[in-house]
């Protein structure tokens, strides 16, 4: 699935409580989509890139098959873009990522745990969509590490 403004608008036209997405300019939407893609492409996806030089995380090789960008990964990008643009505090509270340490409404500040884990910088909805496509851990074998998928 492609990630572009047309696909994002189509996705949000079928999503409940997404009216604020359509209040944004196309420039704001594109900026949010770019930022969301940049955040998500750093995640530890299963498999390997088809080409070592490819910038985007998909297509990927996994268990002998090549996968184009799955629909759930595109949905995660759309949801992350939406969470970056939220103006309504109630919606923001619903989409806060795990690891929030504190939240202030007067002067609008959010403090996250400083555990250094990039997973905590994504919204819960984005993480839900990415769950099946992320590495889960490592098996330790003598003299090497082997990824577990």
N, C-alpha and C. Protein backbone atom coordinates (compact mmCIF):
# COMPACT_ATOMS: atom_id res chain seq x y z
N UNK A 1 0.84 -1.18 0.00
CA UNK A 1 0.00 0.00 0.00
C UNK A 1 0.89 1.24 0.00
N UNK A 2 0.52 2.20 -0.79
CA UNK A 2 1.27 3.45 -0.86
C UNK A 2 0.86 4.38 0.28
N UNK A 3 1.79 5.24 0.63
CA UNK A 3 1.49 6.27 1.63
C UNK A 3 1.56 7.61 0.91
N UNK A 4 0.40 8.19 0.71
CA UNK A 4 0.32 9.51 0.10
C UNK A 4 -0.92 10.21 0.64
N UNK A 5 -1.07 11.46 0.27
CA UNK A 5 -2.17 12.26 0.79
C UNK A 5 -3.54 11.68 0.41
N UNK A 6 -3.66 11.20 -0.81
CA UNK A 6 -4.93 10.63 -1.26
C UNK A 6 -5.31 9.40 -0.43
N UNK A 7 -4.35 8.52 -0.20
CA UNK A 7 -4.62 7.31 0.60
C UNK A 7 -4.92 7.68 2.05
N UNK A 8 -4.22 8.67 2.57
CA UNK A 8 -4.47 9.11 3.96
C UNK A 8 -5.88 9.68 4.08
N UNK A 9 -6.27 10.53 3.15
CA UNK A 9 -7.62 11.09 3.19
C UNK A 9 -8.68 10.00 3.07
N UNK A 10 -8.42 9.01 2.23
CA UNK A 10 -9.34 7.87 2.10
C UNK A 10 -9.45 7.11 3.42
N UNK A 11 -8.30 6.87 4.06
CA UNK A 11 -8.28 6.17 5.34
C UNK A 11 -9.09 6.93 6.39
N UNK A 12 -8.84 8.25 6.49
CA UNK A 12 -9.51 9.04 7.52
C UNK A 12 -10.98 9.30 7.22
N UNK A 13 -11.39 9.16 5.97
CA UNK A 13 -12.80 9.33 5.66
C UNK A 13 -13.63 8.18 6.23
N UNK A 14 -12.97 7.06 6.55
CA UNK A 14 -13.65 5.91 7.13
C UNK A 14 -13.31 5.70 8.60
N UNK A 15 -12.58 6.64 9.20
CA UNK A 15 -12.17 6.51 10.60
C UNK A 15 -13.03 7.40 11.48
N UNK A 16 -13.48 6.86 12.58
CA UNK A 16 -14.29 7.61 13.53
C UNK A 16 -13.45 8.70 14.22
N UNK A 17 -14.03 9.83 14.45
CA UNK A 17 -13.40 10.96 15.14
C UNK A 17 -12.15 11.50 14.44
N UNK A 18 -12.19 11.55 13.13
CA UNK A 18 -11.03 12.04 12.39
C UNK A 18 -11.29 13.38 11.70
N UNK A 19 -12.31 14.10 12.15
CA UNK A 19 -12.68 15.36 11.52
C UNK A 19 -11.53 16.36 11.50
N UNK A 20 -10.72 16.35 12.56
CA UNK A 20 -9.62 17.33 12.64
C UNK A 20 -8.58 17.12 11.54
N UNK A 21 -8.48 15.91 10.98
CA UNK A 21 -7.56 15.66 9.87
C UNK A 21 -7.95 16.52 8.67
N UNK A 22 -9.24 16.63 8.42
CA UNK A 22 -9.71 17.36 7.25
C UNK A 22 -9.71 18.88 7.45
N UNK A 23 -9.44 19.33 8.66
CA UNK A 23 -9.28 20.76 8.93
C UNK A 23 -7.87 21.24 8.60
N UNK A 24 -6.95 20.31 8.38
CA UNK A 24 -5.56 20.65 8.08
C UNK A 24 -5.40 21.01 6.61
N UNK A 25 -4.39 21.81 6.31
CA UNK A 25 -4.06 22.08 4.91
C UNK A 25 -3.32 20.87 4.35
N UNK A 26 -3.24 20.78 3.03
CA UNK A 26 -2.51 19.68 2.41
C UNK A 26 -1.04 19.70 2.82
N UNK A 27 -0.49 20.89 2.98
CA UNK A 27 0.91 21.02 3.41
C UNK A 27 1.11 20.45 4.82
N UNK A 28 0.18 20.74 5.73
CA UNK A 28 0.26 20.21 7.09
C UNK A 28 0.11 18.68 7.09
N UNK A 29 -0.80 18.18 6.28
CA UNK A 29 -1.00 16.73 6.18
C UNK A 29 0.26 16.05 5.65
N UNK A 30 0.84 16.62 4.58
CA UNK A 30 2.05 16.03 4.01
C UNK A 30 3.21 16.07 5.00
N UNK A 31 3.33 17.15 5.74
CA UNK A 31 4.38 17.24 6.75
C UNK A 31 4.20 16.18 7.83
N UNK A 32 2.96 16.00 8.27
CA UNK A 32 2.67 15.00 9.29
C UNK A 32 2.97 13.59 8.76
N UNK A 33 2.60 13.33 7.51
CA UNK A 33 2.88 12.01 6.92
C UNK A 33 4.39 11.76 6.82
N UNK A 34 5.15 12.78 6.42
CA UNK A 34 6.61 12.64 6.34
C UNK A 34 7.23 12.37 7.70
N UNK A 35 6.78 13.12 8.71
CA UNK A 35 7.31 12.92 10.06
C UNK A 35 6.96 11.52 10.58
N UNK A 36 5.74 11.08 10.34
CA UNK A 36 5.31 9.76 10.80
C UNK A 36 6.12 8.67 10.11
N UNK A 37 6.35 8.81 8.81
CA UNK A 37 7.16 7.81 8.10
C UNK A 37 8.58 7.77 8.64
N UNK A 38 9.14 8.94 8.93
CA UNK A 38 10.50 8.99 9.47
C UNK A 38 10.59 8.28 10.82
N UNK A 39 9.56 8.45 11.66
CA UNK A 39 9.56 7.79 12.97
C UNK A 39 9.42 6.28 12.81
N UNK A 40 8.54 5.86 11.94
CA UNK A 40 8.23 4.43 11.82
C UNK A 40 9.32 3.67 11.06
N UNK A 41 10.00 4.32 10.13
CA UNK A 41 11.03 3.59 9.38
C UNK A 41 12.22 3.19 10.27
N UNK A 42 12.32 3.78 11.46
CA UNK A 42 13.40 3.43 12.40
C UNK A 42 13.06 2.23 13.27
N UNK A 43 11.86 1.70 13.15
CA UNK A 43 11.44 0.58 13.98
C UNK A 43 12.14 -0.71 13.52
N UNK A 44 12.31 -1.68 14.43
CA UNK A 44 13.00 -2.94 14.10
C UNK A 44 12.05 -3.93 13.41
N UNK A 45 11.85 -3.74 12.11
CA UNK A 45 10.95 -4.63 11.36
C UNK A 45 11.56 -6.01 11.17
N UNK A 46 10.70 -7.00 11.09
CA UNK A 46 11.16 -8.36 10.83
C UNK A 46 11.74 -8.44 9.42
N UNK A 47 12.59 -9.43 9.19
CA UNK A 47 13.18 -9.62 7.88
C UNK A 47 14.27 -8.62 7.59
N UNK A 48 14.61 -8.53 6.30
CA UNK A 48 15.66 -7.62 5.86
C UNK A 48 15.17 -6.84 4.64
N UNK A 49 15.77 -5.68 4.43
CA UNK A 49 15.43 -4.91 3.24
C UNK A 49 15.83 -5.70 2.00
N UNK A 50 15.09 -5.53 0.91
CA UNK A 50 15.40 -6.23 -0.33
C UNK A 50 16.75 -5.76 -0.86
N UNK A 51 17.00 -4.47 -0.82
CA UNK A 51 18.28 -3.91 -1.23
C UNK A 51 18.90 -3.20 -0.03
N UNK A 52 20.16 -3.40 0.19
CA UNK A 52 20.82 -2.74 1.32
C UNK A 52 20.77 -1.22 1.20
N UNK A 53 20.68 -0.72 -0.01
CA UNK A 53 20.71 0.73 -0.24
C UNK A 53 19.33 1.37 -0.20
N UNK A 54 18.27 0.58 -0.06
CA UNK A 54 16.93 1.19 -0.07
C UNK A 54 16.71 2.01 1.19
N UNK A 55 16.08 3.17 1.01
CA UNK A 55 15.88 4.09 2.12
C UNK A 55 14.69 3.69 2.99
N UNK A 56 13.63 3.23 2.37
CA UNK A 56 12.41 2.86 3.10
C UNK A 56 12.52 1.43 3.61
N UNK A 57 11.78 1.10 4.67
CA UNK A 57 11.87 -0.24 5.24
C UNK A 57 11.23 -1.34 4.39
N UNK A 58 10.36 -0.99 3.47
CA UNK A 58 9.72 -1.98 2.61
C UNK A 58 10.01 -1.64 1.16
N UNK A 59 10.13 -2.68 0.32
CA UNK A 59 9.83 -4.10 0.52
C UNK A 59 10.89 -4.79 1.39
N UNK A 60 10.47 -5.92 2.00
CA UNK A 60 11.34 -6.69 2.88
C UNK A 60 11.29 -8.17 2.52
N UNK A 61 12.42 -8.83 2.75
CA UNK A 61 12.48 -10.29 2.62
C UNK A 61 12.26 -10.89 3.99
N UNK A 62 11.39 -11.88 4.05
CA UNK A 62 11.11 -12.54 5.32
C UNK A 62 10.69 -13.97 5.03
N UNK A 63 11.43 -14.91 5.60
CA UNK A 63 11.16 -16.34 5.43
C UNK A 63 11.01 -16.72 3.96
N UNK A 64 11.94 -16.22 3.14
CA UNK A 64 11.98 -16.59 1.73
C UNK A 64 10.97 -15.88 0.84
N UNK A 65 10.22 -14.94 1.39
CA UNK A 65 9.24 -14.20 0.59
C UNK A 65 9.56 -12.71 0.63
N UNK A 66 9.11 -12.01 -0.40
CA UNK A 66 9.27 -10.55 -0.44
C UNK A 66 7.92 -9.93 -0.16
N UNK A 67 7.90 -9.00 0.79
CA UNK A 67 6.67 -8.32 1.19
C UNK A 67 6.75 -6.85 0.83
N UNK A 68 5.76 -6.36 0.09
CA UNK A 68 5.60 -4.91 -0.09
C UNK A 68 5.05 -4.37 1.22
N UNK A 69 4.88 -3.07 1.30
CA UNK A 69 4.38 -2.49 2.54
C UNK A 69 2.99 -3.05 2.87
N UNK A 70 2.87 -3.70 4.02
CA UNK A 70 1.56 -4.23 4.42
C UNK A 70 0.59 -3.11 4.75
N UNK A 71 -0.68 -3.39 4.60
CA UNK A 71 -1.72 -2.42 4.88
C UNK A 71 -1.64 -1.92 6.32
N UNK A 72 -1.33 -2.80 7.27
CA UNK A 72 -1.26 -2.38 8.67
C UNK A 72 -0.11 -1.42 8.93
N UNK A 73 0.98 -1.53 8.21
CA UNK A 73 2.09 -0.60 8.38
C UNK A 73 1.69 0.78 7.85
N UNK A 74 0.99 0.80 6.72
CA UNK A 74 0.49 2.08 6.19
C UNK A 74 -0.50 2.70 7.17
N UNK A 75 -1.38 1.89 7.75
CA UNK A 75 -2.33 2.40 8.74
C UNK A 75 -1.59 2.98 9.95
N UNK A 76 -0.50 2.34 10.35
CA UNK A 76 0.30 2.85 11.47
C UNK A 76 0.87 4.22 11.14
N UNK A 77 1.31 4.40 9.90
CA UNK A 77 1.83 5.72 9.48
C UNK A 77 0.72 6.76 9.53
N UNK A 78 -0.45 6.40 9.01
CA UNK A 78 -1.58 7.34 9.03
C UNK A 78 -1.95 7.71 10.46
N UNK A 79 -2.01 6.72 11.33
CA UNK A 79 -2.38 6.98 12.72
C UNK A 79 -1.33 7.83 13.43
N UNK A 80 -0.07 7.57 13.13
CA UNK A 80 0.99 8.37 13.75
C UNK A 80 0.94 9.81 13.24
N UNK A 81 0.67 9.99 11.95
CA UNK A 81 0.52 11.33 11.40
C UNK A 81 -0.63 12.06 12.08
N UNK A 82 -1.73 11.34 12.29
CA UNK A 82 -2.89 11.92 12.95
C UNK A 82 -2.55 12.32 14.38
N UNK A 83 -1.84 11.46 15.10
CA UNK A 83 -1.50 11.77 16.49
C UNK A 83 -0.56 12.97 16.57
N UNK A 84 0.24 13.19 15.54
CA UNK A 84 1.14 14.35 15.51
C UNK A 84 0.37 15.66 15.30
N UNK A 85 -0.81 15.57 14.74
CA UNK A 85 -1.56 16.78 14.40
C UNK A 85 -2.75 17.05 15.31
N UNK A 86 -2.95 16.22 16.32
CA UNK A 86 -4.13 16.38 17.15
C UNK A 86 -4.17 17.73 17.84
N UNK A 87 -5.33 18.35 17.81
CA UNK A 87 -5.51 19.63 18.48
C UNK A 87 -6.40 19.49 19.70
N UNK A 88 -7.18 18.43 19.74
CA UNK A 88 -8.13 18.22 20.82
C UNK A 88 -7.46 17.44 21.94
N UNK A 89 -7.42 17.99 23.15
CA UNK A 89 -6.75 17.33 24.28
C UNK A 89 -7.34 15.97 24.59
N UNK A 90 -8.64 15.79 24.42
CA UNK A 90 -9.27 14.50 24.70
C UNK A 90 -8.74 13.44 23.74
N UNK A 91 -8.64 13.80 22.45
CA UNK A 91 -8.08 12.86 21.48
C UNK A 91 -6.61 12.58 21.80
N UNK A 92 -5.89 13.62 22.21
CA UNK A 92 -4.47 13.45 22.51
C UNK A 92 -4.27 12.48 23.66
N UNK A 93 -5.09 12.62 24.69
CA UNK A 93 -4.97 11.72 25.83
C UNK A 93 -5.22 10.28 25.43
N UNK A 94 -6.15 10.06 24.50
CA UNK A 94 -6.47 8.72 24.05
C UNK A 94 -5.31 8.11 23.27
N UNK A 95 -4.54 8.92 22.56
CA UNK A 95 -3.48 8.42 21.69
C UNK A 95 -2.07 8.59 22.26
N UNK A 96 -1.95 8.94 23.53
CA UNK A 96 -0.62 9.09 24.10
C UNK A 96 0.13 7.77 24.06
N UNK A 97 1.40 7.80 23.74
CA UNK A 97 2.18 6.57 23.75
C UNK A 97 2.41 6.07 25.17
N UNK A 98 2.77 4.80 25.25
CA UNK A 98 3.12 4.24 26.55
C UNK A 98 4.37 4.95 27.04
N UNK A 99 4.54 4.99 28.34
CA UNK A 99 5.75 5.58 28.88
C UNK A 99 5.63 7.05 29.22
N UNK A 100 4.41 7.60 29.19
CA UNK A 100 4.24 9.00 29.54
C UNK A 100 4.50 9.15 31.03
N UNK A 101 5.38 10.04 31.38
CA UNK A 101 5.72 10.26 32.77
C UNK A 101 4.82 11.33 33.39
N UNK A 102 4.57 12.42 32.66
CA UNK A 102 3.68 13.46 33.18
C UNK A 102 3.03 14.21 32.03
N UNK A 103 1.90 14.86 32.35
CA UNK A 103 1.16 15.62 31.37
C UNK A 103 0.64 16.87 32.07
N UNK A 104 0.85 18.04 31.48
CA UNK A 104 0.34 19.30 32.04
C UNK A 104 -0.53 19.97 31.00
N UNK A 105 -1.66 20.47 31.39
CA UNK A 105 -2.52 21.17 30.45
C UNK A 105 -2.21 22.66 30.40
N UNK A 106 -1.85 23.26 31.51
CA UNK A 106 -1.42 24.66 31.52
C UNK A 106 -0.02 24.75 30.97
N UNK A 107 0.18 25.32 29.83
CA UNK A 107 1.41 25.43 29.05
C UNK A 107 1.71 24.15 28.27
N UNK A 108 0.80 23.21 28.27
CA UNK A 108 0.80 22.03 27.40
C UNK A 108 2.12 21.30 27.29
N UNK A 109 2.59 20.67 28.32
CA UNK A 109 3.83 19.91 28.25
C UNK A 109 3.57 18.44 28.54
N UNK A 110 4.31 17.58 27.86
CA UNK A 110 4.24 16.14 28.08
C UNK A 110 5.66 15.67 28.32
N UNK A 111 5.87 14.90 29.38
CA UNK A 111 7.19 14.37 29.68
C UNK A 111 7.14 12.86 29.57
N UNK A 112 8.10 12.29 28.85
CA UNK A 112 8.16 10.85 28.66
C UNK A 112 9.26 10.27 29.54
N UNK A 113 9.12 8.98 29.85
CA UNK A 113 10.17 8.29 30.57
C UNK A 113 11.45 8.38 29.76
N UNK A 114 12.55 8.49 30.40
CA UNK A 114 13.82 8.62 29.69
C UNK A 114 14.54 7.28 29.60
N UNK A 115 13.83 6.26 29.14
CA UNK A 115 14.46 4.95 29.02
C UNK A 115 15.14 4.76 27.68
N UNK A 116 15.05 5.75 26.79
CA UNK A 116 15.75 5.67 25.52
C UNK A 116 15.13 4.74 24.51
N UNK A 117 13.98 4.20 24.77
CA UNK A 117 13.35 3.26 23.87
C UNK A 117 12.47 4.00 22.88
N UNK A 118 12.75 3.87 21.57
CA UNK A 118 11.99 4.61 20.56
C UNK A 118 10.56 4.13 20.44
N UNK A 119 10.25 2.94 20.95
CA UNK A 119 8.89 2.43 20.89
C UNK A 119 7.95 3.39 21.61
N UNK A 120 8.41 4.03 22.67
CA UNK A 120 7.57 4.90 23.46
C UNK A 120 7.24 6.21 22.75
N UNK A 121 7.84 6.48 21.63
CA UNK A 121 7.55 7.72 20.94
C UNK A 121 6.42 7.57 19.93
N UNK A 122 5.85 6.39 19.78
CA UNK A 122 4.74 6.18 18.86
C UNK A 122 3.43 6.07 19.63
N UNK A 123 2.34 6.44 18.97
CA UNK A 123 1.04 6.33 19.61
C UNK A 123 0.66 4.87 19.80
N UNK A 124 -0.24 4.61 20.72
CA UNK A 124 -0.69 3.24 21.00
C UNK A 124 -1.33 2.62 19.76
N UNK A 125 -2.10 3.41 19.02
CA UNK A 125 -2.77 2.88 17.84
C UNK A 125 -1.75 2.48 16.78
N UNK A 126 -0.72 3.30 16.58
CA UNK A 126 0.33 2.96 15.62
C UNK A 126 1.03 1.66 16.02
N UNK A 127 1.35 1.54 17.30
CA UNK A 127 2.02 0.33 17.78
C UNK A 127 1.14 -0.90 17.60
N UNK A 128 -0.16 -0.76 17.78
CA UNK A 128 -1.07 -1.87 17.59
C UNK A 128 -0.99 -2.38 16.15
N UNK A 129 -0.96 -1.46 15.19
CA UNK A 129 -0.89 -1.86 13.78
C UNK A 129 0.48 -2.45 13.42
N UNK A 130 1.53 -2.02 14.09
CA UNK A 130 2.88 -2.50 13.77
C UNK A 130 3.25 -3.82 14.43
N UNK A 131 2.50 -4.22 15.44
CA UNK A 131 2.87 -5.34 16.30
C UNK A 131 3.32 -6.60 15.55
N UNK A 132 2.60 -7.00 14.53
CA UNK A 132 2.95 -8.24 13.81
C UNK A 132 4.17 -8.10 12.92
N UNK A 133 4.63 -6.88 12.69
CA UNK A 133 5.74 -6.66 11.77
C UNK A 133 7.04 -6.27 12.47
N UNK A 134 7.05 -6.29 13.79
CA UNK A 134 8.26 -5.91 14.52
C UNK A 134 8.94 -7.13 15.13
N UNK A 135 10.27 -7.06 15.21
CA UNK A 135 11.04 -8.12 15.84
C UNK A 135 10.67 -8.20 17.31
N UNK A 136 10.69 -9.41 17.84
CA UNK A 136 10.27 -9.60 19.23
C UNK A 136 11.44 -9.81 20.20
N UNK A 137 12.61 -10.18 19.73
CA UNK A 137 13.73 -10.42 20.64
C UNK A 137 14.87 -11.12 19.94
N UNK A 138 15.77 -11.69 20.71
CA UNK A 138 16.93 -12.38 20.18
C UNK A 138 17.17 -13.67 20.94
N UNK A 139 17.60 -14.71 20.22
CA UNK A 139 18.11 -15.93 20.85
C UNK A 139 19.62 -15.76 20.93
N UNK A 140 20.19 -16.13 22.05
CA UNK A 140 21.64 -16.05 22.18
C UNK A 140 22.20 -17.44 21.94
N UNK A 141 23.08 -17.53 20.93
CA UNK A 141 23.76 -18.78 20.61
C UNK A 141 25.25 -18.54 20.78
N UNK A 142 26.01 -19.59 20.97
CA UNK A 142 27.46 -19.40 21.12
C UNK A 142 28.05 -18.60 19.96
N UNK A 143 28.77 -17.53 20.30
CA UNK A 143 29.53 -16.69 19.38
C UNK A 143 28.69 -15.96 18.35
N UNK A 144 27.38 -15.89 18.48
CA UNK A 144 26.60 -15.10 17.53
C UNK A 144 25.21 -14.82 18.11
N UNK A 145 24.56 -13.86 17.55
CA UNK A 145 23.17 -13.55 17.88
C UNK A 145 22.33 -13.90 16.67
N UNK A 146 21.18 -14.47 16.89
CA UNK A 146 20.28 -14.80 15.80
C UNK A 146 18.94 -14.14 16.11
N UNK A 147 18.44 -13.40 15.11
CA UNK A 147 17.16 -12.70 15.31
C UNK A 147 16.03 -13.70 15.38
N UNK A 148 15.07 -13.42 16.24
CA UNK A 148 13.87 -14.24 16.37
C UNK A 148 12.75 -13.48 15.71
N UNK A 149 12.02 -14.15 14.85
CA UNK A 149 10.94 -13.47 14.11
C UNK A 149 9.61 -13.92 14.60
